[in-house]
Amino acid sequence: MFDSIDEVLAGLHAQNYIADRALSTSVFLSLRLKNRFCWNARPGGED
């Protein structure tokens, strides 16, 4: 599990996701609140 928003951001970048701090914050809070975030796109924006 991630301990900070910066760790989430680094993890997303490591998987080739184009992410900013706002997205990383949403993912971090979703994980902390035990809600699952719905991913609708592949890494890098490819379909």
C-alpha atoms as a PDB file:
ATOM      1  CA  MET A   1       0.000   0.000   0.000  1.00  0.00           C
ATOM      2  CA  PHE A   2       1.127   3.534  -0.639  1.00  0.00           C
ATOM      3  CA  ASP A   3       2.039   5.772   2.283  1.00  0.00           C
ATOM      4  CA  SER A   4       1.926   9.073   0.406  1.00  0.00           C
ATOM      5  CA  ILE A   5       0.592  10.785  -2.677  1.00  0.00           C
ATOM      6  CA  ASP A   6       4.140  11.047  -3.999  1.00  0.00           C
ATOM      7  CA  GLU A   7       4.499   7.250  -3.789  1.00  0.00           C
ATOM      8  CA  VAL A   8       1.280   6.844  -5.773  1.00  0.00           C
ATOM      9  CA  LEU A   9       2.563   9.275  -8.401  1.00  0.00           C
ATOM     10  CA  ALA A  10       5.869   7.423  -8.664  1.00  0.00           C
ATOM     11  CA  GLY A  11       4.044   4.094  -8.902  1.00  0.00           C
ATOM     12  CA  LEU A  12       1.793   5.345 -11.688  1.00  0.00           C
ATOM     13  CA  HIS A  13       4.753   6.720 -13.615  1.00  0.00           C
ATOM     14  CA  ALA A  14       6.600   3.408 -13.145  1.00  0.00           C
ATOM     15  CA  GLN A  15       3.684   1.700 -14.923  1.00  0.00           C
ATOM     16  CA  ASN A  16       3.754   4.267 -17.762  1.00  0.00           C
ATOM     17  CA  TYR A  17       0.586   6.086 -16.715  1.00  0.00           C
ATOM     18  CA  ILE A  18       0.414   9.776 -17.525  1.00  0.00           C
ATOM     19  CA  ALA A  19      -0.546  11.103 -14.109  1.00  0.00           C
ATOM     20  CA  ASP A  20      -0.455  14.378 -12.244  1.00  0.00           C
ATOM     21  CA  ARG A  21      -0.758  15.216  -8.569  1.00  0.00           C
ATOM     22  CA  ALA A  22      -4.554  15.572  -8.782  1.00  0.00           C
ATOM     23  CA  LEU A  23      -4.995  12.047 -10.152  1.00  0.00           C
ATOM     24  CA  SER A  24      -2.495  10.668  -7.643  1.00  0.00           C
ATOM     25  CA  THR A  25      -4.403  12.347  -4.822  1.00  0.00           C
ATOM     26  CA  SER A  26      -7.667  10.783  -6.021  1.00  0.00           C
ATOM     27  CA  VAL A  27      -6.108   7.337  -6.200  1.00  0.00           C
ATOM     28  CA  PHE A  28      -4.448   7.741  -2.786  1.00  0.00           C
ATOM     29  CA  LEU A  29      -7.702   8.811  -1.112  1.00  0.00           C
ATOM     30  CA  SER A  30      -9.651   6.085  -2.872  1.00  0.00           C
ATOM     31  CA  LEU A  31      -7.255   3.459  -1.557  1.00  0.00           C
ATOM     32  CA  ARG A  32      -7.276   4.946   1.938  1.00  0.00           C
ATOM     33  CA  LEU A  33     -11.072   5.089   2.010  1.00  0.00           C
ATOM     34  CA  LYS A  34     -11.293   1.522   0.647  1.00  0.00           C
ATOM     35  CA  ASN A  35     -13.099   2.631  -2.529  1.00  0.00           C
ATOM     36  CA  ARG A  36     -11.850   1.267  -5.800  1.00  0.00           C
ATOM     37  CA  PHE A  37     -10.936   3.633  -8.591  1.00  0.00           C
ATOM     38  CA  CYS A  38     -12.236   2.711 -12.032  1.00  0.00           C
ATOM     39  CA  TRP A  39      -9.599   2.671 -14.768  1.00  0.00           C
ATOM     40  CA  ASN A  40     -11.015   3.158 -18.233  1.00  0.00           C
ATOM     41  CA  ALA A  41      -7.855   3.608 -20.297  1.00  0.00           C
ATOM     42  CA  ARG A  42      -4.604   1.809 -20.874  1.00  0.00           C
ATOM     43  CA  PRO A  43      -1.264   3.311 -19.775  1.00  0.00           C
ATOM     44  CA  GLY A  44      -0.034   6.002 -22.125  1.00  0.00           C
ATOM     45  CA  GLY A  45      -3.497   6.763 -23.483  1.00  0.00           C
ATOM     46  CA  GLU A  46      -3.467   3.975 -26.063  1.00  0.00           C
ATOM     47  CA  ASP A  47      -6.707   2.144 -26.846  1.00  0.00           C
END
